[in-house]
N, C-alpha and C. Protein backbone atom coordinates (compact mmCIF):
# COMPACT_ATOMS: atom_id res chain seq x y z
N MET A 1 2.76 -19.93 -1.85
CA MET A 1 2.06 -18.93 -2.12
C MET A 1 2.06 -17.94 -0.82
N VAL A 2 2.11 -16.57 -1.45
CA VAL A 2 2.34 -15.52 -0.35
C VAL A 2 0.95 -14.79 -0.36
N VAL A 3 0.25 -14.76 0.82
CA VAL A 3 -1.03 -14.19 0.96
C VAL A 3 -0.76 -12.72 1.91
N ASP A 4 -0.80 -11.54 1.25
CA ASP A 4 -0.79 -10.38 1.76
C ASP A 4 -1.51 -9.29 1.15
N ASP A 5 -2.10 -8.49 1.73
CA ASP A 5 -2.94 -7.46 1.15
C ASP A 5 -2.06 -6.28 0.52
N GLU A 6 -0.89 -6.16 0.87
CA GLU A 6 -0.03 -5.06 0.54
C GLU A 6 0.69 -5.54 -0.89
N GLN A 7 0.45 -4.85 -1.99
CA GLN A 7 0.76 -5.34 -3.35
C GLN A 7 2.29 -5.08 -3.48
N ASP A 8 2.94 -4.37 -2.71
CA ASP A 8 4.44 -4.27 -2.65
C ASP A 8 5.30 -5.51 -2.19
N VAL A 9 4.44 -6.23 -1.50
CA VAL A 9 5.21 -7.51 -0.93
C VAL A 9 5.53 -8.40 -2.12
N GLN A 10 4.88 -8.54 -3.19
CA GLN A 10 5.21 -9.15 -4.37
C GLN A 10 6.54 -8.81 -4.94
N PHE A 11 6.82 -7.61 -5.18
CA PHE A 11 8.01 -7.13 -5.64
C PHE A 11 9.26 -7.41 -4.69
N LEU A 12 8.94 -7.33 -3.26
CA LEU A 12 9.89 -7.46 -2.27
C LEU A 12 10.45 -9.18 -2.47
N PHE A 13 9.42 -9.81 -2.38
CA PHE A 13 9.72 -11.25 -2.44
C PHE A 13 10.47 -11.80 -3.76
N GLU A 14 9.93 -11.16 -4.79
CA GLU A 14 10.59 -11.41 -6.20
C GLU A 14 11.99 -11.06 -6.23
N GLN A 15 12.39 -9.93 -5.49
CA GLN A 15 13.73 -9.36 -5.48
C GLN A 15 14.54 -10.25 -4.55
N ARG A 16 14.09 -10.56 -3.51
CA ARG A 16 14.83 -11.31 -2.44
C ARG A 16 15.09 -12.82 -2.65
N PHE A 17 14.17 -13.34 -3.70
CA PHE A 17 14.42 -14.60 -4.04
C PHE A 17 14.65 -14.98 -5.61
N ARG A 18 15.29 -13.61 -6.22
CA ARG A 18 15.37 -13.70 -7.65
C ARG A 18 16.28 -15.01 -8.03
N ARG A 19 17.39 -15.21 -7.33
CA ARG A 19 18.34 -16.28 -7.67
C ARG A 19 17.55 -17.53 -7.66
N GLU A 20 16.94 -17.93 -6.59
CA GLU A 20 16.19 -19.06 -6.51
C GLU A 20 15.16 -19.31 -7.55
N LEU A 21 14.46 -18.13 -7.84
CA LEU A 21 13.39 -18.30 -8.82
C LEU A 21 13.99 -18.58 -10.32
N ARG A 22 15.19 -17.90 -10.51
CA ARG A 22 15.89 -18.19 -11.84
C ARG A 22 16.42 -19.47 -11.91
N GLN A 23 16.85 -19.92 -10.89
CA GLN A 23 17.37 -21.46 -10.76
C GLN A 23 16.15 -22.42 -10.79
N ASN A 24 14.94 -22.04 -10.53
CA ASN A 24 13.72 -22.91 -10.43
C ASN A 24 13.83 -23.67 -9.30
N ARG A 25 14.43 -23.27 -8.21
CA ARG A 25 14.41 -23.76 -6.89
C ARG A 25 13.09 -23.77 -6.10
N ILE A 26 12.44 -22.55 -6.39
CA ILE A 26 11.03 -22.25 -6.01
C ILE A 26 10.30 -21.53 -6.94
N SER A 27 8.90 -21.64 -6.78
CA SER A 27 8.03 -20.86 -7.58
C SER A 27 7.27 -20.04 -6.48
N LEU A 28 6.90 -18.86 -6.89
CA LEU A 28 5.96 -17.89 -5.95
C LEU A 28 4.69 -17.78 -6.72
N TYR A 29 3.69 -17.73 -5.85
CA TYR A 29 2.35 -17.21 -6.21
C TYR A 29 1.87 -16.29 -5.24
N PHE A 30 1.17 -15.26 -5.67
CA PHE A 30 0.75 -14.24 -4.61
C PHE A 30 -0.95 -13.99 -4.77
N THR A 31 -1.45 -13.79 -3.57
CA THR A 31 -2.87 -13.40 -3.56
C THR A 31 -2.85 -12.22 -2.64
N LEU A 32 -3.91 -11.40 -2.93
CA LEU A 32 -4.01 -10.23 -2.04
C LEU A 32 -5.01 -10.27 -0.80
N SER A 33 -5.57 -11.46 -0.77
CA SER A 33 -6.64 -11.68 0.34
C SER A 33 -6.57 -13.24 0.66
N ALA A 34 -7.13 -13.46 1.88
CA ALA A 34 -7.17 -14.74 2.37
C ALA A 34 -8.37 -15.60 1.54
N GLU A 35 -9.44 -14.65 1.06
CA GLU A 35 -10.45 -15.34 0.40
C GLU A 35 -10.07 -15.67 -0.97
N ASP A 36 -9.04 -14.94 -1.67
CA ASP A 36 -8.46 -15.37 -2.88
C ASP A 36 -7.65 -16.54 -2.82
N ALA A 37 -6.89 -16.56 -1.68
CA ALA A 37 -5.88 -17.75 -1.39
C ALA A 37 -6.84 -19.01 -1.37
N LEU A 38 -8.06 -18.95 -0.61
CA LEU A 38 -8.73 -20.15 -0.51
C LEU A 38 -9.41 -20.56 -1.78
N GLU A 39 -9.73 -19.65 -2.65
CA GLU A 39 -10.34 -19.79 -3.99
C GLU A 39 -9.37 -20.59 -4.77
N GLN A 40 -8.07 -20.20 -4.81
CA GLN A 40 -7.08 -20.77 -5.48
C GLN A 40 -6.91 -22.17 -5.04
N LEU A 41 -6.75 -22.39 -3.64
CA LEU A 41 -6.53 -23.59 -3.31
C LEU A 41 -7.64 -24.65 -3.65
N GLN A 42 -8.86 -24.28 -3.49
CA GLN A 42 -10.06 -24.97 -3.97
C GLN A 42 -10.03 -25.30 -5.42
N ASN A 43 -9.47 -24.52 -6.23
CA ASN A 43 -9.33 -24.70 -7.71
C ASN A 43 -8.17 -25.44 -8.02
N ASN A 44 -7.72 -26.48 -7.25
CA ASN A 44 -6.64 -27.47 -7.51
C ASN A 44 -5.35 -26.94 -7.31
N LYS A 45 -5.09 -25.62 -6.83
CA LYS A 45 -3.74 -25.04 -6.77
C LYS A 45 -3.04 -25.81 -5.65
N SER A 46 -3.89 -26.36 -4.66
CA SER A 46 -3.24 -27.01 -3.67
C SER A 46 -2.16 -28.17 -3.95
N GLU A 47 -2.59 -28.64 -5.19
CA GLU A 47 -1.73 -30.01 -5.69
C GLU A 47 -0.32 -29.54 -5.91
N CYS A 48 -0.08 -28.10 -6.31
CA CYS A 48 1.29 -27.74 -6.66
C CYS A 48 1.91 -26.93 -5.74
N LEU A 49 1.31 -26.73 -4.43
CA LEU A 49 1.89 -25.95 -3.51
C LEU A 49 2.48 -26.72 -2.29
N SER A 50 3.32 -26.24 -1.56
CA SER A 50 3.83 -26.95 -0.43
C SER A 50 3.78 -26.22 0.83
N LEU A 51 3.75 -24.72 0.50
CA LEU A 51 3.86 -23.82 1.66
C LEU A 51 3.08 -22.50 1.47
N ILE A 52 2.45 -22.09 2.40
CA ILE A 52 1.70 -20.84 2.51
C ILE A 52 2.30 -19.87 3.41
N LEU A 53 2.56 -18.65 3.04
CA LEU A 53 3.09 -17.49 3.81
C LEU A 53 1.91 -16.64 3.98
N THR A 54 1.36 -16.39 5.13
CA THR A 54 0.34 -15.44 5.23
C THR A 54 0.44 -14.37 6.23
N ASP A 55 0.07 -13.15 5.81
CA ASP A 55 0.04 -12.19 6.91
C ASP A 55 -1.05 -12.36 7.74
N ILE A 56 -1.13 -11.76 8.90
CA ILE A 56 -2.23 -12.04 9.86
C ILE A 56 -3.35 -10.78 9.57
N ASN A 57 -2.64 -9.67 9.67
CA ASN A 57 -3.82 -8.43 9.51
C ASN A 57 -4.00 -8.12 8.02
N MET A 58 -5.29 -8.61 7.71
CA MET A 58 -5.74 -8.16 6.19
C MET A 58 -7.23 -7.98 6.26
N PRO A 59 -7.70 -6.91 5.56
CA PRO A 59 -9.16 -6.80 5.60
C PRO A 59 -9.83 -8.13 5.31
N GLY A 60 -11.14 -8.22 5.57
CA GLY A 60 -11.84 -9.45 5.42
C GLY A 60 -11.36 -10.57 6.40
N MET A 61 -11.27 -11.65 5.77
CA MET A 61 -10.84 -12.82 6.50
C MET A 61 -9.14 -12.52 6.82
N ASN A 62 -8.87 -12.85 8.15
CA ASN A 62 -7.42 -12.60 8.54
C ASN A 62 -6.64 -13.78 8.38
N GLY A 63 -5.32 -13.73 8.61
CA GLY A 63 -4.47 -14.81 8.27
C GLY A 63 -4.60 -16.04 9.30
N LEU A 64 -5.02 -15.81 10.42
CA LEU A 64 -5.10 -16.72 11.47
C LEU A 64 -6.41 -17.52 11.01
N GLU A 65 -7.56 -17.00 10.54
CA GLU A 65 -8.72 -17.71 10.12
C GLU A 65 -8.43 -18.45 8.75
N LEU A 66 -7.58 -17.93 7.99
CA LEU A 66 -7.01 -18.76 6.84
C LEU A 66 -6.20 -19.96 7.26
N LEU A 67 -5.42 -19.77 8.23
CA LEU A 67 -4.57 -20.79 8.71
C LEU A 67 -5.45 -22.01 9.16
N LYS A 68 -6.51 -21.57 9.98
CA LYS A 68 -7.25 -22.68 10.56
C LYS A 68 -8.04 -23.40 9.52
N ILE A 69 -8.58 -22.72 8.36
CA ILE A 69 -9.25 -23.41 7.28
C ILE A 69 -8.33 -24.19 6.58
N ILE A 70 -7.05 -23.71 6.33
CA ILE A 70 -6.06 -24.52 5.55
C ILE A 70 -5.69 -25.92 6.23
N LYS A 71 -5.44 -25.68 7.51
CA LYS A 71 -5.04 -26.78 8.15
C LYS A 71 -6.28 -28.00 8.40
N GLU A 72 -7.48 -27.46 8.21
CA GLU A 72 -8.68 -28.40 8.32
C GLU A 72 -8.85 -28.84 7.11
N ASN A 73 -8.65 -28.19 5.92
CA ASN A 73 -9.04 -28.74 4.41
C ASN A 73 -7.80 -29.23 3.62
N PHE A 74 -6.47 -28.64 4.00
CA PHE A 74 -5.45 -29.19 3.28
C PHE A 74 -4.37 -29.38 4.20
N PRO A 75 -4.36 -30.45 5.05
CA PRO A 75 -3.42 -30.65 6.11
C PRO A 75 -2.09 -30.76 5.74
N HIS A 76 -1.96 -31.29 4.37
CA HIS A 76 -0.49 -31.44 3.80
C HIS A 76 0.27 -30.27 3.64
N LEU A 77 -0.32 -29.04 3.67
CA LEU A 77 0.23 -27.75 3.41
C LEU A 77 0.92 -27.32 4.65
N LYS A 78 2.15 -26.75 4.49
CA LYS A 78 2.68 -26.09 5.65
C LYS A 78 2.11 -24.52 5.66
N VAL A 79 2.10 -23.85 6.69
CA VAL A 79 1.59 -22.47 6.73
C VAL A 79 2.50 -21.80 7.72
N PHE A 80 3.28 -20.69 7.19
CA PHE A 80 4.05 -19.83 8.06
C PHE A 80 3.17 -18.68 8.20
N VAL A 81 3.10 -18.08 9.38
CA VAL A 81 2.19 -16.94 9.58
C VAL A 81 3.24 -15.81 9.85
N ILE A 82 2.92 -14.70 9.11
CA ILE A 82 3.78 -13.50 9.06
C ILE A 82 2.99 -12.40 9.98
N THR A 83 3.75 -11.60 10.89
CA THR A 83 3.03 -10.39 11.29
C THR A 83 4.02 -9.36 11.70
N ALA A 84 3.47 -8.12 11.72
CA ALA A 84 4.18 -6.91 12.25
C ALA A 84 4.29 -6.74 13.50
N TYR A 85 3.31 -7.47 14.31
CA TYR A 85 3.04 -7.23 15.71
C TYR A 85 3.36 -8.63 16.41
N ASN A 86 4.50 -8.54 17.39
CA ASN A 86 4.79 -9.73 18.11
C ASN A 86 3.72 -9.80 19.34
N ASP A 87 2.58 -10.36 19.06
CA ASP A 87 1.46 -10.33 19.97
C ASP A 87 1.37 -11.72 20.53
N GLU A 88 1.48 -11.96 21.77
CA GLU A 88 1.31 -13.24 22.28
C GLU A 88 0.03 -14.02 22.18
N ASN A 89 -1.12 -13.35 22.25
CA ASN A 89 -2.42 -13.84 21.75
C ASN A 89 -2.41 -14.50 20.34
N ASN A 90 -1.82 -13.67 19.40
CA ASN A 90 -1.75 -14.26 17.97
C ASN A 90 -0.82 -15.39 17.93
N TYR A 91 0.21 -15.44 18.71
CA TYR A 91 1.14 -16.39 18.58
C TYR A 91 0.59 -17.70 19.09
N GLN A 92 -0.25 -17.46 20.26
CA GLN A 92 -0.90 -18.65 20.88
C GLN A 92 -1.94 -19.25 19.88
N THR A 93 -2.61 -18.34 19.25
CA THR A 93 -3.63 -18.81 18.39
C THR A 93 -3.11 -19.60 17.14
N ALA A 94 -1.90 -18.90 16.65
CA ALA A 94 -1.47 -19.57 15.52
C ALA A 94 -0.96 -20.97 15.79
N GLN A 95 -0.40 -21.17 17.00
CA GLN A 95 0.13 -22.49 17.54
C GLN A 95 -0.99 -23.42 17.62
N GLN A 96 -2.19 -22.91 18.16
CA GLN A 96 -3.44 -23.67 18.44
C GLN A 96 -3.84 -24.13 17.10
N TYR A 97 -3.83 -23.41 16.05
CA TYR A 97 -4.49 -23.65 14.72
C TYR A 97 -3.43 -24.49 13.93
N GLY A 98 -2.22 -24.59 14.29
CA GLY A 98 -1.27 -25.57 13.62
C GLY A 98 -0.30 -24.92 12.67
N ALA A 99 0.13 -23.56 13.01
CA ALA A 99 1.03 -22.87 12.12
C ALA A 99 2.23 -23.74 12.28
N ASP A 100 2.96 -23.74 11.08
CA ASP A 100 4.28 -24.36 11.02
C ASP A 100 5.45 -23.52 11.57
N ASP A 101 5.15 -22.19 11.56
CA ASP A 101 6.21 -21.19 11.90
C ASP A 101 5.40 -19.92 12.07
N TYR A 102 6.08 -19.00 12.95
CA TYR A 102 5.45 -17.69 13.22
C TYR A 102 6.65 -16.69 13.10
N ILE A 103 6.40 -15.81 12.12
CA ILE A 103 7.58 -15.01 11.61
C ILE A 103 7.30 -13.56 11.99
N THR A 104 7.94 -12.62 12.53
CA THR A 104 7.74 -11.30 12.75
C THR A 104 8.41 -10.36 11.89
N LYS A 105 7.78 -9.35 11.45
CA LYS A 105 8.21 -8.38 10.49
C LYS A 105 9.37 -7.41 11.30
N PRO A 106 10.39 -6.93 10.73
CA PRO A 106 10.75 -7.06 9.38
C PRO A 106 11.36 -8.47 9.24
N ILE A 107 11.04 -9.17 7.93
CA ILE A 107 11.32 -10.62 7.76
C ILE A 107 12.81 -10.69 7.54
N GLU A 108 13.54 -11.55 8.29
CA GLU A 108 14.85 -11.87 7.81
C GLU A 108 14.93 -12.89 6.79
N PHE A 109 15.11 -12.25 5.54
CA PHE A 109 14.91 -13.25 4.32
C PHE A 109 16.02 -14.30 4.27
N ASN A 110 17.12 -14.18 4.80
CA ASN A 110 18.17 -15.25 4.78
C ASN A 110 17.69 -16.44 5.49
N LYS A 111 17.19 -16.15 6.75
CA LYS A 111 16.49 -17.30 7.56
C LYS A 111 15.19 -17.84 6.85
N LEU A 112 14.51 -17.06 6.30
CA LEU A 112 13.29 -17.42 5.68
C LEU A 112 13.56 -18.37 4.51
N LYS A 113 14.64 -17.95 3.68
CA LYS A 113 15.15 -18.85 2.48
C LYS A 113 15.57 -20.12 3.02
N GLU A 114 16.21 -20.19 3.96
CA GLU A 114 16.74 -21.45 4.51
C GLU A 114 15.44 -22.28 4.92
N LYS A 115 14.56 -21.60 5.59
CA LYS A 115 13.33 -22.64 6.01
C LYS A 115 12.59 -22.96 4.76
N ILE A 116 12.38 -22.24 3.77
CA ILE A 116 11.64 -22.54 2.50
C ILE A 116 12.47 -23.71 1.87
N LEU A 117 13.62 -23.48 1.67
CA LEU A 117 14.36 -24.49 0.95
C LEU A 117 14.36 -25.72 1.70
N ASN A 118 14.31 -25.92 2.84
CA ASN A 118 14.64 -27.00 3.66
C ASN A 118 13.20 -27.53 4.22
N SER A 119 12.16 -27.07 3.68
CA SER A 119 10.84 -27.47 4.03
C SER A 119 10.20 -28.53 3.00
């Protein structure tokens, strides 16, 4: 699941992962807010997910708050935090809350593919 308030992120991920999607190596789900992501997880979506990619800066609940809630309630899910700002405080908070990875934008999609396919 990709959690990002920017709608164009869905198109970008679908383009960058089109081969893997066509080959059914991965499935992608998208939500535009942390609140919507939590609602999806609470409605049994967590059973078919293995990884959440969440942006940090979003209106309402931010990605770090989402990370903390996911790790407390769905500990089997991996969470990769994505940010445009390489901020040491956010990095430390993400580590403290149990982030499985911390990725700065611009995303290096070849590295991200490798991490997703090997997770």
